[in-house]
Amino acid sequence: MEEEKLKLTIEQLRQQLCQMVKEKGFSDPSVVALSQELDIYIVEYQKRHTEVKTWNM
């Protein structure tokens, strides 16, 4: 997934998550599942930026 699409996906999922939390609370299974999906994309983003910094040292 390209950089801009990854950032857009993270932002969209974050907004969805905020809305779901307002409607269902933190412990609803669908909220937890979406949070876990968002985590996967955030970790991917962080890995890419860690690799870039490592290569630039």
N, C-alpha and C. Protein backbone atom coordinates (compact mmCIF):
# COMPACT_ATOMS: atom_id res chain seq x y z
N MET A 1 0.86 -1.18 0.00
CA MET A 1 0.00 0.00 0.00
C MET A 1 0.90 1.23 0.00
N GLU A 2 0.59 2.17 -0.88
CA GLU A 2 1.41 3.36 -0.96
C GLU A 2 1.18 4.27 0.26
N GLU A 3 2.14 5.14 0.49
CA GLU A 3 2.18 6.00 1.68
C GLU A 3 0.91 6.83 1.88
N GLU A 4 0.47 7.53 0.85
CA GLU A 4 -0.71 8.40 0.99
C GLU A 4 -1.97 7.59 1.26
N LYS A 5 -2.10 6.46 0.59
CA LYS A 5 -3.27 5.61 0.82
C LYS A 5 -3.26 5.05 2.24
N LEU A 6 -2.10 4.69 2.72
CA LEU A 6 -1.97 4.18 4.08
C LEU A 6 -2.39 5.25 5.09
N LYS A 7 -1.91 6.47 4.91
CA LYS A 7 -2.28 7.55 5.82
C LYS A 7 -3.78 7.84 5.76
N LEU A 8 -4.35 7.81 4.57
CA LEU A 8 -5.78 8.04 4.41
C LEU A 8 -6.59 6.93 5.09
N THR A 9 -6.17 5.71 4.92
CA THR A 9 -6.85 4.58 5.56
C THR A 9 -6.82 4.72 7.07
N ILE A 10 -5.67 5.08 7.62
CA ILE A 10 -5.54 5.28 9.07
C ILE A 10 -6.50 6.36 9.54
N GLU A 11 -6.55 7.46 8.83
CA GLU A 11 -7.42 8.57 9.23
C GLU A 11 -8.89 8.17 9.15
N GLN A 12 -9.27 7.48 8.10
CA GLN A 12 -10.66 7.05 7.96
C GLN A 12 -11.06 6.07 9.06
N LEU A 13 -10.19 5.12 9.35
CA LEU A 13 -10.48 4.16 10.41
C LEU A 13 -10.53 4.85 11.78
N ARG A 14 -9.67 5.82 11.99
CA ARG A 14 -9.67 6.55 13.25
C ARG A 14 -10.99 7.29 13.45
N GLN A 15 -11.47 7.91 12.39
CA GLN A 15 -12.75 8.62 12.48
C GLN A 15 -13.90 7.66 12.73
N GLN A 16 -13.89 6.52 12.05
CA GLN A 16 -14.92 5.50 12.27
C GLN A 16 -14.89 5.02 13.71
N LEU A 17 -13.69 4.79 14.21
CA LEU A 17 -13.53 4.30 15.58
C LEU A 17 -14.07 5.30 16.58
N CYS A 18 -13.76 6.56 16.41
CA CYS A 18 -14.27 7.59 17.32
C CYS A 18 -15.79 7.61 17.33
N GLN A 19 -16.39 7.50 16.16
CA GLN A 19 -17.85 7.50 16.06
C GLN A 19 -18.45 6.26 16.73
N MET A 20 -17.85 5.11 16.48
CA MET A 20 -18.35 3.88 17.07
C MET A 20 -18.25 3.90 18.58
N VAL A 21 -17.18 4.45 19.11
CA VAL A 21 -17.01 4.53 20.56
C VAL A 21 -18.12 5.38 21.17
N LYS A 22 -18.46 6.49 20.50
CA LYS A 22 -19.55 7.35 20.99
C LYS A 22 -20.88 6.60 21.02
N GLU A 23 -21.10 5.76 20.03
CA GLU A 23 -22.37 5.05 19.90
C GLU A 23 -22.44 3.77 20.75
N LYS A 24 -21.32 3.05 20.84
CA LYS A 24 -21.36 1.71 21.44
C LYS A 24 -20.51 1.54 22.68
N GLY A 25 -19.61 2.48 22.96
CA GLY A 25 -18.70 2.32 24.09
C GLY A 25 -17.43 1.58 23.70
N PHE A 26 -16.50 1.55 24.63
CA PHE A 26 -15.18 0.98 24.34
C PHE A 26 -15.14 -0.54 24.28
N SER A 27 -16.04 -1.21 24.97
CA SER A 27 -15.93 -2.67 25.10
C SER A 27 -16.78 -3.45 24.10
N ASP A 28 -17.51 -2.77 23.23
CA ASP A 28 -18.30 -3.47 22.23
C ASP A 28 -17.36 -4.24 21.29
N PRO A 29 -17.71 -5.49 20.97
CA PRO A 29 -16.82 -6.30 20.11
C PRO A 29 -16.50 -5.65 18.76
N SER A 30 -17.45 -4.95 18.17
CA SER A 30 -17.17 -4.31 16.87
C SER A 30 -16.18 -3.15 17.03
N VAL A 31 -16.20 -2.47 18.16
CA VAL A 31 -15.25 -1.39 18.44
C VAL A 31 -13.85 -1.98 18.63
N VAL A 32 -13.79 -3.07 19.38
CA VAL A 32 -12.50 -3.73 19.61
C VAL A 32 -11.92 -4.23 18.29
N ALA A 33 -12.76 -4.82 17.45
CA ALA A 33 -12.29 -5.33 16.16
C ALA A 33 -11.76 -4.20 15.26
N LEU A 34 -12.47 -3.10 15.22
CA LEU A 34 -12.02 -1.97 14.41
C LEU A 34 -10.72 -1.38 14.97
N SER A 35 -10.62 -1.32 16.28
CA SER A 35 -9.40 -0.83 16.91
C SER A 35 -8.21 -1.71 16.55
N GLN A 36 -8.42 -3.01 16.55
CA GLN A 36 -7.35 -3.93 16.19
C GLN A 36 -6.95 -3.78 14.72
N GLU A 37 -7.94 -3.56 13.86
CA GLU A 37 -7.64 -3.33 12.44
C GLU A 37 -6.82 -2.05 12.28
N LEU A 38 -7.22 -1.00 12.97
CA LEU A 38 -6.48 0.26 12.92
C LEU A 38 -5.05 0.06 13.42
N ASP A 39 -4.88 -0.71 14.47
CA ASP A 39 -3.55 -0.99 15.01
C ASP A 39 -2.62 -1.59 13.94
N ILE A 40 -3.17 -2.48 13.13
CA ILE A 40 -2.36 -3.13 12.08
C ILE A 40 -1.81 -2.08 11.11
N TYR A 41 -2.66 -1.15 10.70
CA TYR A 41 -2.22 -0.11 9.77
C TYR A 41 -1.23 0.86 10.43
N ILE A 42 -1.45 1.17 11.69
CA ILE A 42 -0.54 2.07 12.40
C ILE A 42 0.84 1.42 12.54
N VAL A 43 0.86 0.15 12.88
CA VAL A 43 2.14 -0.56 13.00
C VAL A 43 2.86 -0.58 11.66
N GLU A 44 2.14 -0.82 10.58
CA GLU A 44 2.75 -0.80 9.23
C GLU A 44 3.35 0.57 8.94
N TYR A 45 2.62 1.62 9.25
CA TYR A 45 3.11 2.99 9.04
C TYR A 45 4.38 3.22 9.86
N GLN A 46 4.36 2.81 11.12
CA GLN A 46 5.53 3.00 11.99
C GLN A 46 6.73 2.20 11.49
N LYS A 47 6.51 0.99 11.02
CA LYS A 47 7.61 0.18 10.48
C LYS A 47 8.27 0.89 9.30
N ARG A 48 7.46 1.43 8.42
CA ARG A 48 8.01 2.11 7.25
C ARG A 48 8.84 3.31 7.65
N HIS A 49 8.39 4.05 8.63
CA HIS A 49 9.13 5.24 9.03
C HIS A 49 10.36 4.89 9.85
N THR A 50 10.31 3.81 10.57
CA THR A 50 11.50 3.35 11.30
C THR A 50 12.56 2.88 10.32
N GLU A 51 12.14 2.16 9.27
CA GLU A 51 13.08 1.69 8.25
C GLU A 51 13.73 2.87 7.54
N VAL A 52 12.97 3.89 7.22
CA VAL A 52 13.51 5.07 6.53
C VAL A 52 14.54 5.76 7.41
N LYS A 53 14.25 5.93 8.69
CA LYS A 53 15.19 6.58 9.59
C LYS A 53 16.44 5.74 9.76
N THR A 54 16.29 4.42 9.82
CA THR A 54 17.45 3.54 9.97
C THR A 54 18.37 3.65 8.75
N TRP A 55 17.79 3.69 7.56
CA TRP A 55 18.59 3.79 6.35
C TRP A 55 19.27 5.14 6.21
N ASN A 56 18.69 6.17 6.79
CA ASN A 56 19.26 7.52 6.68
C ASN A 56 20.34 7.80 7.72
N MET A 57 20.61 6.89 8.61
CA MET A 57 21.60 7.14 9.66
C MET A 57 22.99 6.93 9.16
